[in-house]
Amino acid sequence: MKYIMTLIWSVILVTMLNYVVSSVQNVPFEVVNGLIMSVPVAIMIFIIVAIIPNDPVASEHH
């Protein structure tokens, strides 16, 4: 379920970013570009989550 939701949020956020940038640059908005770019963004998020450790760090009290 976390993979599906990550992909959905990736599609939403990248498409929104695509819309804003295309509006600022005064170029036509194409939804397909946002959909295509959201897949690599989701894959990068999965890789980053796999690399970052999930264990708590033991702190030393001085």
PDB file of N, CA and C in Angstrom:
ATOM      1  N   MET A   1       0.813  -1.194   0.000  1.00  0.00           N
ATOM      2  CA  MET A   1       0.000   0.000   0.000  1.00  0.00           C
ATOM      3  C   MET A   1       0.859   1.261   0.000  1.00  0.00           C
ATOM      4  N   LYS A   2       2.024   1.191   0.702  1.00  0.00           N
ATOM      5  CA  LYS A   2       2.870   2.380   0.750  1.00  0.00           C
ATOM      6  C   LYS A   2       3.462   2.686  -0.630  1.00  0.00           C
ATOM      7  N   TYR A   3       3.662   1.674  -1.438  1.00  0.00           N
ATOM      8  CA  TYR A   3       4.186   1.914  -2.780  1.00  0.00           C
ATOM      9  C   TYR A   3       3.139   2.582  -3.669  1.00  0.00           C
ATOM     10  N   ILE A   4       1.912   2.150  -3.537  1.00  0.00           N
ATOM     11  CA  ILE A   4       0.831   2.738  -4.340  1.00  0.00           C
ATOM     12  C   ILE A   4       0.610   4.191  -3.947  1.00  0.00           C
ATOM     13  N   MET A   5       0.567   4.464  -2.639  1.00  0.00           N
ATOM     14  CA  MET A   5       0.343   5.833  -2.185  1.00  0.00           C
ATOM     15  C   MET A   5       1.526   6.740  -2.541  1.00  0.00           C
ATOM     16  N   THR A   6       2.732   6.201  -2.478  1.00  0.00           N
ATOM     17  CA  THR A   6       3.899   6.994  -2.887  1.00  0.00           C
ATOM     18  C   THR A   6       3.812   7.345  -4.360  1.00  0.00           C
ATOM     19  N   LEU A   7       3.400   6.408  -5.176  1.00  0.00           N
ATOM     20  CA  LEU A   7       3.252   6.678  -6.599  1.00  0.00           C
ATOM     21  C   LEU A   7       2.131   7.691  -6.861  1.00  0.00           C
ATOM     22  N   ILE A   8       1.027   7.577  -6.144  1.00  0.00           N
ATOM     23  CA  ILE A   8      -0.075   8.528  -6.326  1.00  0.00           C
ATOM     24  C   ILE A   8       0.354   9.934  -5.932  1.00  0.00           C
ATOM     25  N   TRP A   9       1.009  10.079  -4.769  1.00  0.00           N
ATOM     26  CA  TRP A   9       1.465  11.406  -4.351  1.00  0.00           C
ATOM     27  C   TRP A   9       2.537  11.943  -5.280  1.00  0.00           C
ATOM     28  N   SER A  10       3.368  11.068  -5.798  1.00  0.00           N
ATOM     29  CA  SER A  10       4.380  11.494  -6.752  1.00  0.00           C
ATOM     30  C   SER A  10       3.721  12.041  -8.018  1.00  0.00           C
ATOM     31  N   VAL A  11       2.696  11.357  -8.503  1.00  0.00           N
ATOM     32  CA  VAL A  11       1.979  11.826  -9.694  1.00  0.00           C
ATOM     33  C   VAL A  11       1.334  13.187  -9.429  1.00  0.00           C
ATOM     34  N   ILE A  12       0.693  13.328  -8.269  1.00  0.00           N
ATOM     35  CA  ILE A  12       0.018  14.582  -7.947  1.00  0.00           C
ATOM     36  C   ILE A  12       1.015  15.736  -7.848  1.00  0.00           C
ATOM     37  N   LEU A  13       2.086  15.533  -7.090  1.00  0.00           N
ATOM     38  CA  LEU A  13       3.028  16.629  -6.854  1.00  0.00           C
ATOM     39  C   LEU A  13       3.857  16.985  -8.092  1.00  0.00           C
ATOM     40  N   VAL A  14       4.288  15.999  -8.847  1.00  0.00           N
ATOM     41  CA  VAL A  14       5.083  16.285 -10.045  1.00  0.00           C
ATOM     42  C   VAL A  14       4.213  16.929 -11.120  1.00  0.00           C
ATOM     43  N   THR A  15       2.969  16.497 -11.250  1.00  0.00           N
ATOM     44  CA  THR A  15       2.076  17.119 -12.224  1.00  0.00           C
ATOM     45  C   THR A  15       1.768  18.564 -11.829  1.00  0.00           C
ATOM     46  N   MET A  16       1.588  18.816 -10.541  1.00  0.00           N
ATOM     47  CA  MET A  16       1.376  20.181 -10.067  1.00  0.00           C
ATOM     48  C   MET A  16       2.606  21.041 -10.349  1.00  0.00           C
ATOM     49  N   LEU A  17       3.787  20.518 -10.092  1.00  0.00           N
ATOM     50  CA  LEU A  17       5.020  21.248 -10.386  1.00  0.00           C
ATOM     51  C   LEU A  17       5.158  21.502 -11.881  1.00  0.00           C
ATOM     52  N   ASN A  18       4.803  20.525 -12.679  1.00  0.00           N
ATOM     53  CA  ASN A  18       4.833  20.675 -14.130  1.00  0.00           C
ATOM     54  C   ASN A  18       3.891  21.789 -14.580  1.00  0.00           C
ATOM     55  N   TYR A  19       2.704  21.859 -13.984  1.00  0.00           N
ATOM     56  CA  TYR A  19       1.741  22.898 -14.325  1.00  0.00           C
ATOM     57  C   TYR A  19       2.272  24.286 -13.969  1.00  0.00           C
ATOM     58  N   VAL A  20       2.834  24.425 -12.785  1.00  0.00           N
ATOM     59  CA  VAL A  20       3.336  25.728 -12.342  1.00  0.00           C
ATOM     60  C   VAL A  20       4.502  26.184 -13.218  1.00  0.00           C
ATOM     61  N   VAL A  21       5.423  25.292 -13.498  1.00  0.00           N
ATOM     62  CA  VAL A  21       6.580  25.664 -14.312  1.00  0.00           C
ATOM     63  C   VAL A  21       6.161  25.991 -15.738  1.00  0.00           C
ATOM     64  N   SER A  22       5.225  25.244 -16.290  1.00  0.00           N
ATOM     65  CA  SER A  22       4.778  25.545 -17.647  1.00  0.00           C
ATOM     66  C   SER A  22       4.020  26.870 -17.692  1.00  0.00           C
ATOM     67  N   SER A  23       3.316  27.216 -16.629  1.00  0.00           N
ATOM     68  CA  SER A  23       2.631  28.513 -16.584  1.00  0.00           C
ATOM     69  C   SER A  23       3.626  29.659 -16.486  1.00  0.00           C
ATOM     70  N   VAL A  24       4.664  29.484 -15.689  1.00  0.00           N
ATOM     71  CA  VAL A  24       5.668  30.535 -15.532  1.00  0.00           C
ATOM     72  C   VAL A  24       6.446  30.741 -16.828  1.00  0.00           C
ATOM     73  N   GLN A  25       6.752  29.650 -17.516  1.00  0.00           N
ATOM     74  CA  GLN A  25       7.528  29.753 -18.746  1.00  0.00           C
ATOM     75  C   GLN A  25       6.665  30.023 -19.974  1.00  0.00           C
ATOM     76  N   ASN A  26       5.367  30.071 -19.792  1.00  0.00           N
ATOM     77  CA  ASN A  26       4.419  30.355 -20.879  1.00  0.00           C
ATOM     78  C   ASN A  26       4.522  29.337 -22.016  1.00  0.00           C
ATOM     79  N   VAL A  27       4.535  28.062 -21.635  1.00  0.00           N
ATOM     80  CA  VAL A  27       4.520  26.964 -22.602  1.00  0.00           C
ATOM     81  C   VAL A  27       3.258  26.144 -22.344  1.00  0.00           C
ATOM     82  N   PRO A  28       2.788  25.401 -23.326  1.00  0.00           N
ATOM     83  CA  PRO A  28       1.567  24.606 -23.120  1.00  0.00           C
ATOM     84  C   PRO A  28       1.776  23.500 -22.079  1.00  0.00           C
ATOM     85  N   PHE A  29       0.757  23.301 -21.258  1.00  0.00           N
ATOM     86  CA  PHE A  29       0.789  22.272 -20.211  1.00  0.00           C
ATOM     87  C   PHE A  29       0.409  20.928 -20.805  1.00  0.00           C
ATOM     88  N   GLU A  30       1.242  19.921 -20.541  1.00  0.00           N
ATOM     89  CA  GLU A  30       0.976  18.557 -20.998  1.00  0.00           C
ATOM     90  C   GLU A  30       1.024  17.622 -19.798  1.00  0.00           C
ATOM     91  N   VAL A  31      -0.071  16.939 -19.544  1.00  0.00           N
ATOM     92  CA  VAL A  31      -0.173  16.049 -18.393  1.00  0.00           C
ATOM     93  C   VAL A  31       0.771  14.861 -18.527  1.00  0.00           C
ATOM     94  N   VAL A  32       1.007  14.411 -19.748  1.00  0.00           N
ATOM     95  CA  VAL A  32       1.822  13.222 -19.981  1.00  0.00           C
ATOM     96  C   VAL A  32       3.243  13.426 -19.455  1.00  0.00           C
ATOM     97  N   ASN A  33       3.780  14.634 -19.592  1.00  0.00           N
ATOM     98  CA  ASN A  33       5.128  14.887 -19.087  1.00  0.00           C
ATOM     99  C   ASN A  33       5.191  14.702 -17.577  1.00  0.00           C
ATOM    100  N   GLY A  34       4.183  15.159 -16.867  1.00  0.00           N
ATOM    101  CA  GLY A  34       4.140  14.972 -15.418  1.00  0.00           C
ATOM    102  C   GLY A  34       4.011  13.511 -15.030  1.00  0.00           C
ATOM    103  N   LEU A  35       3.226  12.764 -15.786  1.00  0.00           N
ATOM    104  CA  LEU A  35       3.064  11.338 -15.497  1.00  0.00           C
ATOM    105  C   LEU A  35       4.361  10.571 -15.743  1.00  0.00           C
ATOM    106  N   ILE A  36       5.054  10.933 -16.803  1.00  0.00           N
ATOM    107  CA  ILE A  36       6.311  10.249 -17.125  1.00  0.00           C
ATOM    108  C   ILE A  36       7.375  10.558 -16.078  1.00  0.00           C
ATOM    109  N   MET A  37       7.464  11.797 -15.634  1.00  0.00           N
ATOM    110  CA  MET A  37       8.495  12.180 -14.673  1.00  0.00           C
ATOM    111  C   MET A  37       8.170  11.731 -13.248  1.00  0.00           C
ATOM    112  N   SER A  38       6.919  11.419 -12.958  1.00  0.00           N
ATOM    113  CA  SER A  38       6.573  11.000 -11.604  1.00  0.00           C
ATOM    114  C   SER A  38       7.070   9.590 -11.280  1.00  0.00           C
ATOM    115  N   VAL A  39       7.224   8.756 -12.275  1.00  0.00           N
ATOM    116  CA  VAL A  39       7.712   7.395 -12.032  1.00  0.00           C
ATOM    117  C   VAL A  39       9.170   7.403 -11.559  1.00  0.00           C
ATOM    118  N   PRO A  40      10.101   8.120 -12.229  1.00  0.00           N
ATOM    119  CA  PRO A  40      11.469   8.172 -11.687  1.00  0.00           C
ATOM    120  C   PRO A  40      11.554   8.845 -10.316  1.00  0.00           C
ATOM    121  N   VAL A  41      10.695   9.823 -10.065  1.00  0.00           N
ATOM    122  CA  VAL A  41      10.691  10.467  -8.745  1.00  0.00           C
ATOM    123  C   VAL A  41      10.276   9.453  -7.679  1.00  0.00           C
ATOM    124  N   ALA A  42       9.261   8.667  -7.943  1.00  0.00           N
ATOM    125  CA  ALA A  42       8.823   7.646  -6.991  1.00  0.00           C
ATOM    126  C   ALA A  42       9.916   6.603  -6.777  1.00  0.00           C
ATOM    127  N   ILE A  43      10.611   6.218  -7.830  1.00  0.00           N
ATOM    128  CA  ILE A  43      11.703   5.246  -7.706  1.00  0.00           C
ATOM    129  C   ILE A  43      12.836   5.826  -6.863  1.00  0.00           C
ATOM    130  N   MET A  44      13.154   7.108  -7.071  1.00  0.00           N
ATOM    131  CA  MET A  44      14.193   7.741  -6.248  1.00  0.00           C
ATOM    132  C   MET A  44      13.777   7.795  -4.783  1.00  0.00           C
ATOM    133  N   ILE A  45      12.508   8.029  -4.514  1.00  0.00           N
ATOM    134  CA  ILE A  45      12.026   8.029  -3.127  1.00  0.00           C
ATOM    135  C   ILE A  45      12.174   6.645  -2.513  1.00  0.00           C
ATOM    136  N   PHE A  46      11.849   5.592  -3.262  1.00  0.00           N
ATOM    137  CA  PHE A  46      12.000   4.231  -2.756  1.00  0.00           C
ATOM    138  C   PHE A  46      13.467   3.921  -2.453  1.00  0.00           C
ATOM    139  N   ILE A  47      14.376   4.376  -3.304  1.00  0.00           N
ATOM    140  CA  ILE A  47      15.805   4.147  -3.086  1.00  0.00           C
ATOM    141  C   ILE A  47      16.293   4.888  -1.851  1.00  0.00           C
ATOM    142  N   ILE A  48      15.878   6.145  -1.701  1.00  0.00           N
ATOM    143  CA  ILE A  48      16.295   6.934  -0.539  1.00  0.00           C
ATOM    144  C   ILE A  48      15.777   6.304   0.750  1.00  0.00           C
ATOM    145  N   VAL A  49      14.539   5.830   0.750  1.00  0.00           N
ATOM    146  CA  VAL A  49      13.977   5.186   1.938  1.00  0.00           C
ATOM    147  C   VAL A  49      14.728   3.897   2.261  1.00  0.00           C
ATOM    148  N   ALA A  50      15.184   3.163   1.253  1.00  0.00           N
ATOM    149  CA  ALA A  50      15.918   1.926   1.489  1.00  0.00           C
ATOM    150  C   ALA A  50      17.315   2.204   2.039  1.00  0.00           C
ATOM    151  N   ILE A  51      17.908   3.338   1.678  1.00  0.00           N
ATOM    152  CA  ILE A  51      19.263   3.654   2.120  1.00  0.00           C
ATOM    153  C   ILE A  51      19.276   4.199   3.547  1.00  0.00           C
ATOM    154  N   ILE A  52      18.322   5.046   3.884  1.00  0.00           N
ATOM    155  CA  ILE A  52      18.299   5.677   5.205  1.00  0.00           C
ATOM    156  C   ILE A  52      17.935   4.629   6.253  1.00  0.00           C
ATOM    157  N   PRO A  53      18.740   4.543   7.317  1.00  0.00           N
ATOM    158  CA  PRO A  53      18.425   3.551   8.351  1.00  0.00           C
ATOM    159  C   PRO A  53      17.194   3.960   9.149  1.00  0.00           C
ATOM    160  N   ASN A  54      16.460   2.962   9.609  1.00  0.00           N
ATOM    161  CA  ASN A  54      15.226   3.195  10.348  1.00  0.00           C
ATOM    162  C   ASN A  54      15.422   3.008  11.850  1.00  0.00           C
ATOM    163  N   ASP A  55      16.612   2.568  12.261  1.00  0.00           N
ATOM    164  CA  ASP A  55      16.884   2.302  13.671  1.00  0.00           C
ATOM    165  C   ASP A  55      17.160   3.611  14.412  1.00  0.00           C
ATOM    166  N   PRO A  56      16.741   3.679  15.663  1.00  0.00           N
ATOM    167  CA  PRO A  56      17.050   4.877  16.447  1.00  0.00           C
ATOM    168  C   PRO A  56      18.537   4.938  16.780  1.00  0.00           C
ATOM    169  N   VAL A  57      19.054   6.143  16.850  1.00  0.00           N
ATOM    170  CA  VAL A  57      20.456   6.342  17.150  1.00  0.00           C
ATOM    171  C   VAL A  57      20.613   6.443  18.670  1.00  0.00           C
ATOM    172  N   ALA A  58      21.545   5.656  19.194  1.00  0.00           N
ATOM    173  CA  ALA A  58      21.795   5.692  20.639  1.00  0.00           C
ATOM    174  C   ALA A  58      22.553   6.958  20.984  1.00  0.00           C
ATOM    175  N   SER A  59      22.022   7.717  21.922  1.00  0.00           N
ATOM    176  CA  SER A  59      22.688   8.956  22.317  1.00  0.00           C
ATOM    177  C   SER A  59      23.438   8.726  23.628  1.00  0.00           C
ATOM    178  N   GLU A  60      24.599   9.337  23.705  1.00  0.00           N
ATOM    179  CA  GLU A  60      25.425   9.230  24.909  1.00  0.00           C
ATOM    180  C   GLU A  60      25.186  10.453  25.777  1.00  0.00           C
ATOM    181  N   HIS A  61      24.978  10.211  27.046  1.00  0.00           N
ATOM    182  CA  HIS A  61      24.788  11.325  27.972  1.00  0.00           C
ATOM    183  C   HIS A  61      26.117  11.646  28.627  1.00  0.00           C
ATOM    184  N   HIS A  62      26.500  12.908  28.587  1.00  0.00           N
ATOM    185  CA  HIS A  62      27.780  13.328  29.180  1.00  0.00           C
ATOM    186  C   HIS A  62      27.561  13.981  30.498  1.00  0.00           C
TER     187      HIS A  62
END
